[in-house]
PDB file of N, CA and C in Angstrom:
ATOM      1  N   MET A   1       0.836  -1.182   0.000  1.00  0.00           N
ATOM      2  CA  MET A   1       0.000   0.000   0.000  1.00  0.00           C
ATOM      3  C   MET A   1       0.883   1.248   0.000  1.00  0.00           C
ATOM      4  N   ILE A   2       0.469   2.273  -0.738  1.00  0.00           N
ATOM      5  CA  ILE A   2       1.229   3.518  -0.842  1.00  0.00           C
ATOM      6  C   ILE A   2       0.769   4.470   0.256  1.00  0.00           C
ATOM      7  N   SER A   3       1.734   4.995   0.976  1.00  0.00           N
ATOM      8  CA  SER A   3       1.399   5.936   2.043  1.00  0.00           C
ATOM      9  C   SER A   3       1.392   7.362   1.495  1.00  0.00           C
ATOM     10  N   ARG A   4       0.909   8.292   2.274  1.00  0.00           N
ATOM     11  CA  ARG A   4       0.873   9.697   1.874  1.00  0.00           C
ATOM     12  C   ARG A   4       2.270  10.256   1.693  1.00  0.00           C
ATOM     13  N   ASN A   5       3.218   9.820   2.510  1.00  0.00           N
ATOM     14  CA  ASN A   5       4.586  10.318   2.399  1.00  0.00           C
ATOM     15  C   ASN A   5       5.227   9.913   1.075  1.00  0.00           C
ATOM     16  N   ASP A   6       4.886   8.729   0.572  1.00  0.00           N
ATOM     17  CA  ASP A   6       5.421   8.303  -0.716  1.00  0.00           C
ATOM     18  C   ASP A   6       4.937   9.212  -1.844  1.00  0.00           C
ATOM     19  N   LEU A   7       3.735   9.706  -1.742  1.00  0.00           N
ATOM     20  CA  LEU A   7       3.179  10.573  -2.772  1.00  0.00           C
ATOM     21  C   LEU A   7       3.768  11.979  -2.712  1.00  0.00           C
ATOM     22  N   ARG A   8       4.189  12.423  -1.566  1.00  0.00           N
ATOM     23  CA  ARG A   8       4.721  13.777  -1.420  1.00  0.00           C
ATOM     24  C   ARG A   8       6.160  13.898  -1.905  1.00  0.00           C
ATOM     25  N   LEU A   9       6.920  12.857  -1.854  1.00  0.00           N
ATOM     26  CA  LEU A   9       8.330  12.925  -2.194  1.00  0.00           C
ATOM     27  C   LEU A   9       8.590  13.447  -3.610  1.00  0.00           C
ATOM     28  N   PRO A  10       7.930  12.933  -4.637  1.00  0.00           N
ATOM     29  CA  PRO A  10       8.190  13.465  -5.984  1.00  0.00           C
ATOM     30  C   PRO A  10       7.821  14.933  -6.118  1.00  0.00           C
ATOM     31  N   ILE A  11       6.778  15.377  -5.448  1.00  0.00           N
ATOM     32  CA  ILE A  11       6.376  16.777  -5.521  1.00  0.00           C
ATOM     33  C   ILE A  11       7.463  17.666  -4.942  1.00  0.00           C
ATOM     34  N   ILE A  12       8.059  17.280  -3.849  1.00  0.00           N
ATOM     35  CA  ILE A  12       9.139  18.056  -3.249  1.00  0.00           C
ATOM     36  C   ILE A  12      10.321  18.130  -4.194  1.00  0.00           C
ATOM     37  N   ASN A  13      10.671  17.030  -4.850  1.00  0.00           N
ATOM     38  CA  ASN A  13      11.789  17.031  -5.790  1.00  0.00           C
ATOM     39  C   ASN A  13      11.538  17.954  -6.972  1.00  0.00           C
ATOM     40  N   VAL A  14      10.333  17.962  -7.486  1.00  0.00           N
ATOM     41  CA  VAL A  14       9.995  18.840  -8.596  1.00  0.00           C
ATOM     42  C   VAL A  14      10.090  20.292  -8.162  1.00  0.00           C
ATOM     43  N   ALA A  15       9.595  20.608  -6.975  1.00  0.00           N
ATOM     44  CA  ALA A  15       9.642  21.979  -6.485  1.00  0.00           C
ATOM     45  C   ALA A  15      11.086  22.444  -6.316  1.00  0.00           C
ATOM     46  N   CYS A  16      11.957  21.598  -5.807  1.00  0.00           N
ATOM     47  CA  CYS A  16      13.362  21.969  -5.629  1.00  0.00           C
ATOM     48  C   CYS A  16      14.031  22.215  -6.976  1.00  0.00           C
ATOM     49  N   THR A  17      13.744  21.376  -7.950  1.00  0.00           N
ATOM     50  CA  THR A  17      14.304  21.547  -9.284  1.00  0.00           C
ATOM     51  C   THR A  17      13.823  22.854  -9.892  1.00  0.00           C
ATOM     52  N   PHE A  18      12.557  23.180  -9.720  1.00  0.00           N
ATOM     53  CA  PHE A  18      12.016  24.423 -10.265  1.00  0.00           C
ATOM     54  C   PHE A  18      12.701  25.625  -9.646  1.00  0.00           C
ATOM     55  N   LEU A  19      12.912  25.610  -8.340  1.00  0.00           N
ATOM     56  CA  LEU A  19      13.550  26.744  -7.684  1.00  0.00           C
ATOM     57  C   LEU A  19      14.969  26.944  -8.172  1.00  0.00           C
ATOM     58  N   VAL A  20      15.684  25.877  -8.408  1.00  0.00           N
ATOM     59  CA  VAL A  20      17.053  25.997  -8.914  1.00  0.00           C
ATOM     60  C   VAL A  20      17.043  26.547 -10.332  1.00  0.00           C
ATOM     61  N   MET A  21      16.134  26.067 -11.164  1.00  0.00           N
ATOM     62  CA  MET A  21      16.062  26.528 -12.544  1.00  0.00           C
ATOM     63  C   MET A  21      15.643  27.988 -12.635  1.00  0.00           C
ATOM     64  N   ALA A  22      14.787  28.438 -11.747  1.00  0.00           N
ATOM     65  CA  ALA A  22      14.282  29.799 -11.801  1.00  0.00           C
ATOM     66  C   ALA A  22      15.372  30.825 -11.510  1.00  0.00           C
ATOM     67  N   LYS A  23      16.455  30.444 -10.871  1.00  0.00           N
ATOM     68  CA  LYS A  23      17.535  31.369 -10.557  1.00  0.00           C
ATOM     69  C   LYS A  23      18.424  31.663 -11.761  1.00  0.00           C
ATOM     70  N   ILE A  24      18.358  30.843 -12.800  1.00  0.00           N
ATOM     71  CA  ILE A  24      19.184  31.037 -13.980  1.00  0.00           C
ATOM     72  C   ILE A  24      18.576  32.157 -14.811  1.00  0.00           C
ATOM     73  N   LYS A  25      19.360  33.188 -15.056  1.00  0.00           N
ATOM     74  CA  LYS A  25      18.890  34.331 -15.835  1.00  0.00           C
ATOM     75  C   LYS A  25      19.640  34.393 -17.163  1.00  0.00           C
ATOM     76  N   HIS A  26      18.969  34.863 -18.174  1.00  0.00           N
ATOM     77  CA  HIS A  26      19.559  35.070 -19.494  1.00  0.00           C
ATOM     78  C   HIS A  26      20.393  36.352 -19.445  1.00  0.00           C
ATOM     79  N   PRO A  27      21.422  36.465 -20.261  1.00  0.00           N
ATOM     80  CA  PRO A  27      22.204  37.719 -20.293  1.00  0.00           C
ATOM     81  C   PRO A  27      21.367  38.954 -20.617  1.00  0.00           C
ATOM     82  N   HIS A  28      20.234  38.780 -21.260  1.00  0.00           N
ATOM     83  CA  HIS A  28      19.369  39.922 -21.564  1.00  0.00           C
ATOM     84  C   HIS A  28      18.764  40.533 -20.304  1.00  0.00           C
ATOM     85  N   SER A  29      18.790  39.807 -19.202  1.00  0.00           N
ATOM     86  CA  SER A  29      18.227  40.319 -17.956  1.00  0.00           C
ATOM     87  C   SER A  29      18.933  41.602 -17.531  1.00  0.00           C
ATOM     88  N   ALA A  30      20.248  41.639 -17.665  1.00  0.00           N
ATOM     89  CA  ALA A  30      21.004  42.850 -17.314  1.00  0.00           C
ATOM     90  C   ALA A  30      20.627  44.005 -18.240  1.00  0.00           C
ATOM     91  N   LEU A  31      20.394  43.706 -19.504  1.00  0.00           N
ATOM     92  CA  LEU A  31      19.998  44.734 -20.461  1.00  0.00           C
ATOM     93  C   LEU A  31      18.630  45.307 -20.093  1.00  0.00           C
ATOM     94  N   ILE A  32      17.726  44.450 -19.658  1.00  0.00           N
ATOM     95  CA  ILE A  32      16.404  44.902 -19.211  1.00  0.00           C
ATOM     96  C   ILE A  32      16.557  45.801 -17.984  1.00  0.00           C
ATOM     97  N   ASP A  33      17.467  45.452 -17.078  1.00  0.00           N
ATOM     98  CA  ASP A  33      17.710  46.290 -15.908  1.00  0.00           C
ATOM     99  C   ASP A  33      18.207  47.670 -16.303  1.00  0.00           C
ATOM    100  N   HIS A  34      19.136  47.732 -17.269  1.00  0.00           N
ATOM    101  CA  HIS A  34      19.673  49.028 -17.704  1.00  0.00           C
ATOM    102  C   HIS A  34      18.610  49.888 -18.384  1.00  0.00           C
ATOM    103  N   ALA A  35      17.740  49.257 -19.142  1.00  0.00           N
ATOM    104  CA  ALA A  35      16.669  49.999 -19.812  1.00  0.00           C
ATOM    105  C   ALA A  35      15.575  50.407 -18.829  1.00  0.00           C
ATOM    106  N   GLY A  36      15.426  49.634 -17.746  1.00  0.00           N
ATOM    107  CA  GLY A  36      14.400  49.904 -16.746  1.00  0.00           C
ATOM    108  C   GLY A  36      13.227  48.965 -16.909  1.00  0.00           C
ATOM    109  N   SER A  37      12.962  48.190 -15.893  1.00  0.00           N
ATOM    110  CA  SER A  37      11.885  47.192 -15.963  1.00  0.00           C
ATOM    111  C   SER A  37      10.530  47.830 -16.247  1.00  0.00           C
ATOM    112  N   ALA A  38      10.237  48.918 -15.550  1.00  0.00           N
ATOM    113  CA  ALA A  38       8.941  49.584 -15.747  1.00  0.00           C
ATOM    114  C   ALA A  38       8.830  50.147 -17.158  1.00  0.00           C
ATOM    115  N   THR A  39       9.936  50.680 -17.670  1.00  0.00           N
ATOM    116  CA  THR A  39       9.949  51.226 -19.029  1.00  0.00           C
ATOM    117  C   THR A  39       9.677  50.132 -20.053  1.00  0.00           C
ATOM    118  N   VAL A  40      10.316  48.984 -19.876  1.00  0.00           N
ATOM    119  CA  VAL A  40      10.120  47.863 -20.804  1.00  0.00           C
ATOM    120  C   VAL A  40       8.677  47.370 -20.743  1.00  0.00           C
ATOM    121  N   CYS A  41       8.140  47.234 -19.536  1.00  0.00           N
ATOM    122  CA  CYS A  41       6.748  46.781 -19.390  1.00  0.00           C
ATOM    123  C   CYS A  41       5.785  47.751 -20.065  1.00  0.00           C
ATOM    124  N   ASP A  42       6.002  49.048 -19.865  1.00  0.00           N
ATOM    125  CA  ASP A  42       5.118  50.042 -20.467  1.00  0.00           C
ATOM    126  C   ASP A  42       5.248  50.074 -21.988  1.00  0.00           C
ATOM    127  N   ALA A  43       6.480  50.006 -22.488  1.00  0.00           N
ATOM    128  CA  ALA A  43       6.704  50.102 -23.929  1.00  0.00           C
ATOM    129  C   ALA A  43       6.126  48.912 -24.689  1.00  0.00           C
ATOM    130  N   PHE A  44       6.174  47.737 -24.092  1.00  0.00           N
ATOM    131  CA  PHE A  44       5.724  46.536 -24.785  1.00  0.00           C
ATOM    132  C   PHE A  44       4.410  45.980 -24.245  1.00  0.00           C
ATOM    133  N   GLY A  45       3.850  46.619 -23.219  1.00  0.00           N
ATOM    134  CA  GLY A  45       2.590  46.153 -22.650  1.00  0.00           C
ATOM    135  C   GLY A  45       2.717  44.783 -21.995  1.00  0.00           C
ATOM    136  N   LEU A  46       3.809  44.572 -21.263  1.00  0.00           N
ATOM    137  CA  LEU A  46       4.080  43.268 -20.662  1.00  0.00           C
ATOM    138  C   LEU A  46       3.532  43.167 -19.246  1.00  0.00           C
ATOM    139  N   SER A  47       3.104  41.980 -18.901  1.00  0.00           N
ATOM    140  CA  SER A  47       2.745  41.691 -17.512  1.00  0.00           C
ATOM    141  C   SER A  47       4.032  41.350 -16.767  1.00  0.00           C
ATOM    142  N   PRO A  48       4.019  41.390 -15.446  1.00  0.00           N
ATOM    143  CA  PRO A  48       5.211  40.993 -14.695  1.00  0.00           C
ATOM    144  C   PRO A  48       5.657  39.562 -15.004  1.00  0.00           C
ATOM    145  N   GLN A  49       4.703  38.676 -15.273  1.00  0.00           N
ATOM    146  CA  GLN A  49       5.048  37.290 -15.593  1.00  0.00           C
ATOM    147  C   GLN A  49       5.778  37.199 -16.932  1.00  0.00           C
ATOM    148  N   THR A  50       5.318  37.961 -17.909  1.00  0.00           N
ATOM    149  CA  THR A  50       5.961  37.942 -19.221  1.00  0.00           C
ATOM    150  C   THR A  50       7.355  38.546 -19.137  1.00  0.00           C
ATOM    151  N   LEU A  51       7.506  39.621 -18.378  1.00  0.00           N
ATOM    152  CA  LEU A  51       8.832  40.219 -18.196  1.00  0.00           C
ATOM    153  C   LEU A  51       9.776  39.220 -17.534  1.00  0.00           C
ATOM    154  N   HIS A  52       9.271  38.482 -16.569  1.00  0.00           N
ATOM    155  CA  HIS A  52      10.090  37.457 -15.917  1.00  0.00           C
ATOM    156  C   HIS A  52      10.557  36.417 -16.936  1.00  0.00           C
ATOM    157  N   MET A  53       9.683  36.003 -17.836  1.00  0.00           N
ATOM    158  CA  MET A  53      10.070  35.020 -18.843  1.00  0.00           C
ATOM    159  C   MET A  53      11.095  35.597 -19.813  1.00  0.00           C
ATOM    160  N   TRP A  54      11.018  36.886 -20.108  1.00  0.00           N
ATOM    161  CA  TRP A  54      12.040  37.523 -20.944  1.00  0.00           C
ATOM    162  C   TRP A  54      13.384  37.465 -20.227  1.00  0.00           C
ATOM    163  N   ARG A  55      13.363  37.652 -18.900  1.00  0.00           N
ATOM    164  CA  ARG A  55      14.609  37.596 -18.134  1.00  0.00           C
ATOM    165  C   ARG A  55      15.200  36.184 -18.123  1.00  0.00           C
ATOM    166  N   VAL A  56      14.351  35.179 -18.098  1.00  0.00           N
ATOM    167  CA  VAL A  56      14.816  33.792 -18.030  1.00  0.00           C
ATOM    168  C   VAL A  56      15.187  33.258 -19.413  1.00  0.00           C
ATOM    169  N   ARG A  57      14.344  33.511 -20.423  1.00  0.00           N
ATOM    170  CA  ARG A  57      14.541  32.936 -21.756  1.00  0.00           C
ATOM    171  C   ARG A  57      15.232  33.873 -22.732  1.00  0.00           C
ATOM    172  N   GLY A  58      15.284  35.149 -22.403  1.00  0.00           N
ATOM    173  CA  GLY A  58      15.836  36.138 -23.327  1.00  0.00           C
ATOM    174  C   GLY A  58      14.710  36.886 -24.022  1.00  0.00           C
ATOM    175  N   ILE A  59      15.061  38.004 -24.601  1.00  0.00           N
ATOM    176  CA  ILE A  59      14.081  38.819 -25.318  1.00  0.00           C
ATOM    177  C   ILE A  59      13.729  38.094 -26.614  1.00  0.00           C
ATOM    178  N   PRO A  60      12.441  37.909 -26.899  1.00  0.00           N
ATOM    179  CA  PRO A  60      12.061  37.198 -28.126  1.00  0.00           C
ATOM    180  C   PRO A  60      12.632  37.885 -29.362  1.00  0.00           C
ATOM    181  N   GLN A  61      13.026  37.089 -30.338  1.00  0.00           N
ATOM    182  CA  GLN A  61      13.639  37.631 -31.551  1.00  0.00           C
ATOM    183  C   GLN A  61      12.732  38.631 -32.254  1.00  0.00           C
ATOM    184  N   ILE A  62      11.450  38.363 -32.229  1.00  0.00           N
ATOM    185  CA  ILE A  62      10.511  39.242 -32.927  1.00  0.00           C
ATOM    186  C   ILE A  62      10.436  40.629 -32.277  1.00  0.00           C
ATOM    187  N   LYS A  63      10.847  40.752 -31.027  1.00  0.00           N
ATOM    188  CA  LYS A  63      10.793  42.027 -30.309  1.00  0.00           C
ATOM    189  C   LYS A  63      12.150  42.725 -30.222  1.00  0.00           C
ATOM    190  N   ARG A  64      13.219  42.086 -30.692  1.00  0.00           N
ATOM    191  CA  ARG A  64      14.562  42.632 -30.479  1.00  0.00           C
ATOM    192  C   ARG A  64      14.824  43.932 -31.223  1.00  0.00           C
ATOM    193  N   ILE A  65      14.320  44.100 -32.418  1.00  0.00           N
ATOM    194  CA  ILE A  65      14.553  45.344 -33.154  1.00  0.00           C
ATOM    195  C   ILE A  65      13.891  46.508 -32.422  1.00  0.00           C
ATOM    196  N   ALA A  66      12.641  46.333 -32.010  1.00  0.00           N
ATOM    197  CA  ALA A  66      11.946  47.386 -31.264  1.00  0.00           C
ATOM    198  C   ALA A  66      12.625  47.641 -29.924  1.00  0.00           C
ATOM    199  N   PHE A  67      13.117  46.582 -29.279  1.00  0.00           N
ATOM    200  CA  PHE A  67      13.809  46.742 -27.997  1.00  0.00           C
ATOM    201  C   PHE A  67      15.099  47.522 -28.190  1.00  0.00           C
ATOM    202  N   ALA A  68      15.859  47.211 -29.240  1.00  0.00           N
ATOM    203  CA  ALA A  68      17.105  47.928 -29.514  1.00  0.00           C
ATOM    204  C   ALA A  68      16.827  49.403 -29.808  1.00  0.00           C
ATOM    205  N   LYS A  69      15.753  49.676 -30.535  1.00  0.00           N
ATOM    206  CA  LYS A  69      15.380  51.066 -30.824  1.00  0.00           C
ATOM    207  C   LYS A  69      15.033  51.804 -29.532  1.00  0.00           C
ATOM    208  N   MET A  70      14.280  51.155 -28.650  1.00  0.00           N
ATOM    209  CA  MET A  70      13.932  51.762 -27.368  1.00  0.00           C
ATOM    210  C   MET A  70      15.190  52.043 -26.551  1.00  0.00           C
ATOM    211  N   CYS A  71      16.130  51.094 -26.549  1.00  0.00           N
ATOM    212  CA  CYS A  71      17.384  51.276 -25.813  1.00  0.00           C
ATOM    213  C   CYS A  71      18.189  52.440 -26.388  1.00  0.00           C
ATOM    214  N   ALA A  72      18.245  52.552 -27.710  1.00  0.00           N
ATOM    215  CA  ALA A  72      18.981  53.637 -28.355  1.00  0.00           C
ATOM    216  C   ALA A  72      18.395  54.997 -27.983  1.00  0.00           C
ATOM    217  N   GLU A  73      17.079  55.077 -27.892  1.00  0.00           N
ATOM    218  CA  GLU A  73      16.423  56.329 -27.499  1.00  0.00           C
ATOM    219  C   GLU A  73      16.760  56.721 -26.066  1.00  0.00           C
ATOM    220  N   ARG A  74      17.085  55.734 -25.235  1.00  0.00           N
ATOM    221  CA  ARG A  74      17.398  55.994 -23.830  1.00  0.00           C
ATOM    222  C   ARG A  74      18.898  55.961 -23.544  1.00  0.00           C
ATOM    223  N   GLY A  75      19.703  55.807 -24.572  1.00  0.00           N
ATOM    224  CA  GLY A  75      21.152  55.821 -24.409  1.00  0.00           C
ATOM    225  C   GLY A  75      21.735  54.541 -23.828  1.00  0.00           C
ATOM    226  N   VAL A  76      21.036  53.428 -23.995  1.00  0.00           N
ATOM    227  CA  VAL A  76      21.514  52.129 -23.512  1.00  0.00           C
ATOM    228  C   VAL A  76      22.032  51.349 -24.716  1.00  0.00           C
ATOM    229  N   ALA A  77      23.281  50.907 -24.643  1.00  0.00           N
ATOM    230  CA  ALA A  77      23.882  50.158 -25.752  1.00  0.00           C
ATOM    231  C   ALA A  77      23.521  48.679 -25.647  1.00  0.00           C
ATOM    232  N   VAL A  78      23.140  48.085 -26.771  1.00  0.00           N
ATOM    233  CA  VAL A  78      22.870  46.646 -26.806  1.00  0.00           C
ATOM    234  C   VAL A  78      24.169  45.929 -27.152  1.00  0.00           C
ATOM    235  N   PRO A  79      24.346  44.690 -26.695  1.00  0.00           N
ATOM    236  CA  PRO A  79      25.581  43.968 -26.998  1.00  0.00           C
ATOM    237  C   PRO A  79      25.719  43.663 -28.493  1.00  0.00           C
ATOM    238  N   ALA A  80      26.930  43.416 -28.926  1.00  0.00           N
ATOM    239  CA  ALA A  80      27.200  43.164 -30.344  1.00  0.00           C
ATOM    240  C   ALA A  80      26.492  41.912 -30.858  1.00  0.00           C
ATOM    241  N   ASP A  81      26.293  40.925 -30.010  1.00  0.00           N
ATOM    242  CA  ASP A  81      25.662  39.676 -30.449  1.00  0.00           C
ATOM    243  C   ASP A  81      24.146  39.670 -30.250  1.00  0.00           C
ATOM    244  N   PHE A  82      23.543  40.818 -30.020  1.00  0.00           N
ATOM    245  CA  PHE A  82      22.111  40.900 -29.752  1.00  0.00           C
ATOM    246  C   PHE A  82      21.278  40.415 -30.932  1.00  0.00           C
ATOM    247  N   PHE A  83      21.761  40.663 -32.162  1.00  0.00           N
ATOM    248  CA  PHE A  83      21.033  40.255 -33.368  1.00  0.00           C
ATOM    249  C   PHE A  83      21.657  39.042 -34.037  1.00  0.00           C
ATOM    250  N   GLU A  84      22.489  38.321 -33.344  1.00  0.00           N
ATOM    251  CA  GLU A  84      23.216  37.196 -33.926  1.00  0.00           C
ATOM    252  C   GLU A  84      22.290  36.146 -34.540  1.00  0.00           C
ATOM    253  N   ALA A  85      21.201  35.840 -33.899  1.00  0.00           N
ATOM    254  CA  ALA A  85      20.272  34.828 -34.412  1.00  0.00           C
ATOM    255  C   ALA A  85      19.682  35.269 -35.749  1.00  0.00           C
ATOM    256  N   PHE A  86      19.423  36.577 -35.920  1.00  0.00           N
ATOM    257  CA  PHE A  86      18.902  37.080 -37.188  1.00  0.00           C
ATOM    258  C   PHE A  86      19.932  36.903 -38.293  1.00  0.00           C
ATOM    259  N   GLU A  87      21.183  37.246 -37.996  1.00  0.00           N
ATOM    260  CA  GLU A  87      22.246  37.161 -38.992  1.00  0.00           C
ATOM    261  C   GLU A  87      22.490  35.719 -39.409  1.00  0.00           C
ATOM    262  N   THR A  88      22.389  34.782 -38.457  1.00  0.00           N
ATOM    263  CA  THR A  88      22.588  33.372 -38.775  1.00  0.00           C
ATOM    264  C   THR A  88      21.495  32.887 -39.701  1.00  0.00           C
ATOM    265  N   ARG A  89      20.258  33.286 -39.440  1.00  0.00           N
ATOM    266  CA  ARG A  89      19.129  32.863 -40.290  1.00  0.00           C
ATOM    267  C   ARG A  89      19.254  33.430 -41.699  1.00  0.00           C
ATOM    268  N   ARG A  90      19.673  34.681 -41.799  1.00  0.00           N
ATOM    269  CA  ARG A  90      19.783  35.315 -43.117  1.00  0.00           C
ATOM    270  C   ARG A  90      20.853  34.645 -43.974  1.00  0.00           C
ATOM    271  N   SER A  91      21.989  34.312 -43.359  1.00  0.00           N
ATOM    272  CA  SER A  91      23.060  33.699 -44.131  1.00  0.00           C
ATOM    273  C   SER A  91      22.708  32.271 -44.540  1.00  0.00           C
ATOM    274  N   ALA A  92      21.864  31.596 -43.775  1.00  0.00           N
ATOM    275  CA  ALA A  92      21.460  30.232 -44.108  1.00  0.00           C
ATOM    276  C   ALA A  92      20.418  30.209 -45.229  1.00  0.00           C
ATOM    277  N   ALA A  93      19.678  31.285 -45.380  1.00  0.00           N
ATOM    278  CA  ALA A  93      18.596  31.307 -46.373  1.00  0.00           C
ATOM    279  C   ALA A  93      19.084  31.531 -47.778  1.00  0.00           C
TER     280      ALA A  93
END
């Protein structure tokens, strides 16, 4: 027979794994900090949850040109490899 404690163990392991994974931030997170979190949310109409996902996964490619333009208007420099994925796709096509 399965006890209640046996059922709780996997849930605890999943929760611990999630907490460790949530601490990993994408390099774009620092760029979002320099531009200002509130500014980014207002400019793109993001919820706090969506902004968090941008910090974890990176700024979506479809939004990077607009994000770079917003940064340029505020005097924030984007890294040289910010558009690297676009350049790779263009050369492959």
